[in-house]
C-alpha atoms as a PDB file:
ATOM      1  CA  MET A   1     -19.536   6.001  11.469  1.00  0.00           C
ATOM      2  CA  THR A   2     -16.177   4.227   9.596  1.00  0.00           C
ATOM      3  CA  ASP A   3     -12.755   5.090   9.963  1.00  0.00           C
ATOM      4  CA  PRO A   4     -11.163   7.186   7.194  1.00  0.00           C
ATOM      5  CA  ARG A   5      -7.866   6.199   8.167  1.00  0.00           C
ATOM      6  CA  ASP A   6      -9.219   2.214   7.320  1.00  0.00           C
ATOM      7  CA  LEU A   7      -6.951   0.689   4.663  1.00  0.00           C
ATOM      8  CA  GLY A   8      -9.253  -1.292   3.022  1.00  0.00           C
ATOM      9  CA  GLY A   9      -8.912  -0.917  -0.513  1.00  0.00           C
ATOM     10  CA  THR A  10      -6.335  -0.723  -3.633  1.00  0.00           C
ATOM     11  CA  TRP A  11      -3.128   0.856  -2.920  1.00  0.00           C
ATOM     12  CA  TYR A  12      -0.288   2.549  -5.540  1.00  0.00           C
ATOM     13  CA  GLY A  13       3.232   2.734  -3.796  1.00  0.00           C
ATOM     14  CA  ARG A  14       6.680   2.982  -4.225  1.00  0.00           C
ATOM     15  CA  TYR A  15       9.570   2.232  -2.155  1.00  0.00           C
ATOM     16  CA  GLU A  16      13.194   3.564  -2.037  1.00  0.00           C
ATOM     17  CA  GLY A  17      16.043   1.922  -1.051  1.00  0.00           C
ATOM     18  CA  ALA A  18      19.525   3.112   0.525  1.00  0.00           C
ATOM     19  CA  ASP A  19      22.830   0.980   0.149  1.00  0.00           C
ATOM     20  CA  GLY A  20      22.443  -0.096  -3.265  1.00  0.00           C
ATOM     21  CA  VAL A  21      19.008  -1.692  -2.769  1.00  0.00           C
ATOM     22  CA  GLN A  22      16.910  -0.821  -6.217  1.00  0.00           C
ATOM     23  CA  SER A  23      13.630   1.634  -5.603  1.00  0.00           C
ATOM     24  CA  ASN A  24      10.285  -0.014  -6.997  1.00  0.00           C
ATOM     25  CA  GLN A  25       6.710   0.125  -7.583  1.00  0.00           C
ATOM     26  CA  PHE A  26       4.338  -1.614  -6.377  1.00  0.00           C
ATOM     27  CA  ILE A  27       0.617  -1.990  -5.961  1.00  0.00           C
ATOM     28  CA  ALA A  28      -1.119  -3.465  -2.258  1.00  0.00           C
ATOM     29  CA  ARG A  29      -4.778  -4.332  -1.874  1.00  0.00           C
ATOM     30  CA  LEU A  30      -5.694  -4.424   1.949  1.00  0.00           C
ATOM     31  CA  SER A  31      -8.250  -5.709   4.124  1.00  0.00           C
ATOM     32  CA  GLU A  32      -8.992  -4.209   7.249  1.00  0.00           C
ATOM     33  CA  ARG A  33     -11.096  -5.381  10.176  1.00  0.00           C
ATOM     34  CA  ASP A  34     -10.610  -4.314  13.816  1.00  0.00           C
ATOM     35  CA  GLY A  35      -7.433  -2.954  13.014  1.00  0.00           C
ATOM     36  CA  ALA A  36      -5.706  -6.341  11.664  1.00  0.00           C
ATOM     37  CA  LEU A  37      -4.330  -5.946   8.172  1.00  0.00           C
ATOM     38  CA  SER A  38      -3.804  -8.556   5.469  1.00  0.00           C
ATOM     39  CA  GLY A  39      -3.562  -8.383   1.743  1.00  0.00           C
ATOM     40  CA  THR A  40      -1.381  -9.145  -1.167  1.00  0.00           C
ATOM     41  CA  ILE A  41       1.257  -7.002  -2.658  1.00  0.00           C
ATOM     42  CA  SER A  42       2.856  -7.288  -6.142  1.00  0.00           C
ATOM     43  CA  GLU A  43       5.544  -5.476  -7.924  1.00  0.00           C
ATOM     44  CA  PRO A  44       7.573  -5.318 -11.124  1.00  0.00           C
ATOM     45  CA  ASP A  45      10.813  -7.611 -10.876  1.00  0.00           C
ATOM     46  CA  ASP A  46      12.721  -5.258 -12.041  1.00  0.00           C
ATOM     47  CA  LEU A  47      15.853  -7.474 -10.806  1.00  0.00           C
ATOM     48  CA  GLY A  48      14.637 -10.600 -13.425  1.00  0.00           C
ATOM     49  CA  LEU A  49      14.443 -13.406 -11.308  1.00  0.00           C
ATOM     50  CA  GLU A  50      10.849 -14.074 -11.448  1.00  0.00           C
ATOM     51  CA  PRO A  51       7.952 -12.611 -13.788  1.00  0.00           C
ATOM     52  CA  VAL A  52       6.217 -10.545 -10.927  1.00  0.00           C
ATOM     53  CA  ARG A  53       6.864 -10.656  -6.983  1.00  0.00           C
ATOM     54  CA  ARG A  54       4.228 -11.516  -5.275  1.00  0.00           C
ATOM     55  CA  ALA A  55       4.070 -10.912  -1.676  1.00  0.00           C
ATOM     56  CA  LEU A  56       1.580 -11.286   1.563  1.00  0.00           C
ATOM     57  CA  VAL A  57       1.020  -8.929   3.782  1.00  0.00           C
ATOM     58  CA  SER A  58       0.009  -9.082   7.269  1.00  0.00           C
ATOM     59  CA  GLY A  59       0.432  -6.896  10.107  1.00  0.00           C
ATOM     60  CA  ARG A  60      -1.684  -4.172  12.240  1.00  0.00           C
ATOM     61  CA  ARG A  61      -3.066  -0.162  11.781  1.00  0.00           C
ATOM     62  CA  ASP A  62      -3.410   1.659  15.607  1.00  0.00           C
ATOM     63  CA  GLY A  63      -5.017   4.732  14.854  1.00  0.00           C
ATOM     64  CA  ALA A  64      -2.647   6.750  12.328  1.00  0.00           C
ATOM     65  CA  GLY A  65       0.346   3.810  13.095  1.00  0.00           C
ATOM     66  CA  VAL A  66       0.908   1.367  10.400  1.00  0.00           C
ATOM     67  CA  ALA A  67       2.969  -1.441  10.979  1.00  0.00           C
ATOM     68  CA  PHE A  68       2.738  -4.932   8.560  1.00  0.00           C
ATOM     69  CA  VAL A  69       5.409  -7.277   7.253  1.00  0.00           C
ATOM     70  CA  LYS A  70       5.439  -7.970   3.556  1.00  0.00           C
ATOM     71  CA  GLN A  71       6.427 -11.717   3.340  1.00  0.00           C
ATOM     72  CA  TYR A  72       7.542 -12.568  -0.717  1.00  0.00           C
ATOM     73  CA  ASP A  73       6.210 -15.740  -1.383  1.00  0.00           C
ATOM     74  CA  GLY A  74       8.315 -15.986  -5.299  1.00  0.00           C
ATOM     75  CA  GLU A  75      10.529 -18.896  -5.927  1.00  0.00           C
ATOM     76  CA  VAL A  76      13.816 -16.651  -5.600  1.00  0.00           C
ATOM     77  CA  LEU A  77      12.652 -14.260  -2.962  1.00  0.00           C
ATOM     78  CA  VAL A  78      10.993 -15.445   0.204  1.00  0.00           C
ATOM     79  CA  HIS A  79      12.546 -13.022   2.601  1.00  0.00           C
ATOM     80  CA  ALA A  80      10.342 -10.745   4.944  1.00  0.00           C
ATOM     81  CA  VAL A  81      10.355  -6.991   4.729  1.00  0.00           C
ATOM     82  CA  ASP A  82       9.098  -4.832   8.080  1.00  0.00           C
ATOM     83  CA  TYR A  83       6.640  -1.546   7.585  1.00  0.00           C
ATOM     84  CA  ARG A  84       6.174   1.311   9.773  1.00  0.00           C
ATOM     85  CA  GLY A  85       4.438   4.118   8.947  1.00  0.00           C
ATOM     86  CA  THR A  86       1.438   6.635   9.418  1.00  0.00           C
ATOM     87  CA  VAL A  87      -1.573   7.370   7.505  1.00  0.00           C
ATOM     88  CA  ASP A  88      -3.139  10.890   7.008  1.00  0.00           C
ATOM     89  CA  PRO A  89      -6.125  11.978   8.310  1.00  0.00           C
ATOM     90  CA  ARG A  90      -8.253  11.635   5.149  1.00  0.00           C
ATOM     91  CA  GLY A  91      -6.745   7.570   4.495  1.00  0.00           C
ATOM     92  CA  THR A  92      -5.358   8.564   1.198  1.00  0.00           C
ATOM     93  CA  GLU A  93      -1.457   8.766   2.015  1.00  0.00           C
ATOM     94  CA  VAL A  94       0.550   6.171   3.873  1.00  0.00           C
ATOM     95  CA  ARG A  95       3.969   7.082   4.800  1.00  0.00           C
ATOM     96  CA  GLY A  96       7.217   5.579   6.425  1.00  0.00           C
ATOM     97  CA  ASP A  97      10.288   3.146   6.491  1.00  0.00           C
ATOM     98  CA  TRP A  98      10.723  -0.548   5.597  1.00  0.00           C
ATOM     99  CA  SER A  99      13.441  -2.676   6.695  1.00  0.00           C
ATOM    100  CA  PHE A 100      15.293  -6.197   6.326  1.00  0.00           C
ATOM    101  CA  ALA A 101      18.560  -7.829   7.275  1.00  0.00           C
ATOM    102  CA  ASP A 102      20.747  -4.807   6.650  1.00  0.00           C
ATOM    103  CA  TYR A 103      19.125  -3.077   4.244  1.00  0.00           C
ATOM    104  CA  ALA A 104      17.037  -0.012   5.091  1.00  0.00           C
ATOM    105  CA  GLY A 105      14.271   2.477   3.160  1.00  0.00           C
ATOM    106  CA  SER A 106      10.874   4.736   2.145  1.00  0.00           C
ATOM    107  CA  PHE A 107       7.902   4.033   0.755  1.00  0.00           C
ATOM    108  CA  ALA A 108       5.087   5.964   0.203  1.00  0.00           C
ATOM    109  CA  MET A 109       1.589   4.478  -0.873  1.00  0.00           C
ATOM    110  CA  THR A 110      -1.939   6.204  -1.489  1.00  0.00           C
ATOM    111  CA  ARG A 111      -5.025   5.695  -2.865  1.00  0.00           C
ATOM    112  CA  GLU A 112      -7.885   7.734  -4.450  1.00  0.00           C
ATOM    113  CA  ARG A 113     -11.005   8.630  -2.300  1.00  0.00           C
ATOM    114  CA  PHE A 114     -13.873  10.502  -3.213  1.00  0.00           C
ATOM    115  CA  ASP A 115     -16.855  11.952  -0.554  1.00  0.00           C
ATOM    116  CA  ALA A 116     -20.095  10.792  -1.458  1.00  0.00           C
ATOM    117  CA  ASP A 117     -20.910  14.718  -2.136  1.00  0.00           C
ATOM    118  CA  GLU A 118     -18.199  15.263  -4.499  1.00  0.00           C
ATOM    119  CA  LEU A 119     -18.731  11.596  -6.478  1.00  0.00           C
ATOM    120  CA  ALA A 120     -22.306  12.267  -6.825  1.00  0.00           C
ATOM    121  CA  GLU A 121     -21.538  16.110  -8.429  1.00  0.00           C
ATOM    122  CA  ALA A 122     -18.956  14.748 -10.845  1.00  0.00           C
ATOM    123  CA  VAL A 123     -21.313  11.850 -11.738  1.00  0.00           C
ATOM    124  CA  GLY A 124     -24.020  14.033 -12.321  1.00  0.00           C
ATOM    125  CA  ASP A 125     -21.706  16.475 -14.945  1.00  0.00           C
ATOM    126  CA  GLU A 126     -20.732  13.176 -16.807  1.00  0.00           C
ATOM    127  CA  ALA A 127     -24.539  12.457 -17.332  1.00  0.00           C
ATOM    128  CA  GLU A 128     -25.503  16.134 -18.283  1.00  0.00           C
ATOM    129  CA  VAL A 129     -22.737  15.904 -20.955  1.00  0.00           C
ATOM    130  CA  ALA A 130     -23.867  12.432 -22.240  1.00  0.00           C
ATOM    131  CA  ARG A 131     -27.379  13.967 -22.582  1.00  0.00           C
END
C-alpha cells in the first residue's frame, strides 16, 4: 500500500512574506523516495530580475512532517530558503513556514488527488455523455 502522504507529483502553492517580502505563487514538481524529497520549483519573478525564478528542492518527509530547502539557481537569485510544514492525511495539502536570513513567512501548497473509484465514476459519466 502506498502512503497517501507521499509528496511525489505536481503541487501549486503560494508563499506569504512578512517585513516587506512580497507574496508569490509557485509550481513544485516533487519526487519522493523512502522519505527523501527532490524536485524543482518555478515561480513568476515579480521583481523583474529574471524571466522566471527556478529553484532546486531537496529535503525529507517523516510521517506528516516535511522539511526542505529551495535553492534558487538563477543568475541573480542564488540564496537558499528553508521550508518546514505538515502534510494533511490525504496528501493534498502542505502548510507551514519558510525562512532565510532575517526573512520569514508562511506557505501552502495543494494538489488534486482522486480516489480510483471516484475517477472511474467521473470518466464513466463523461463516456455516457459522449455517446
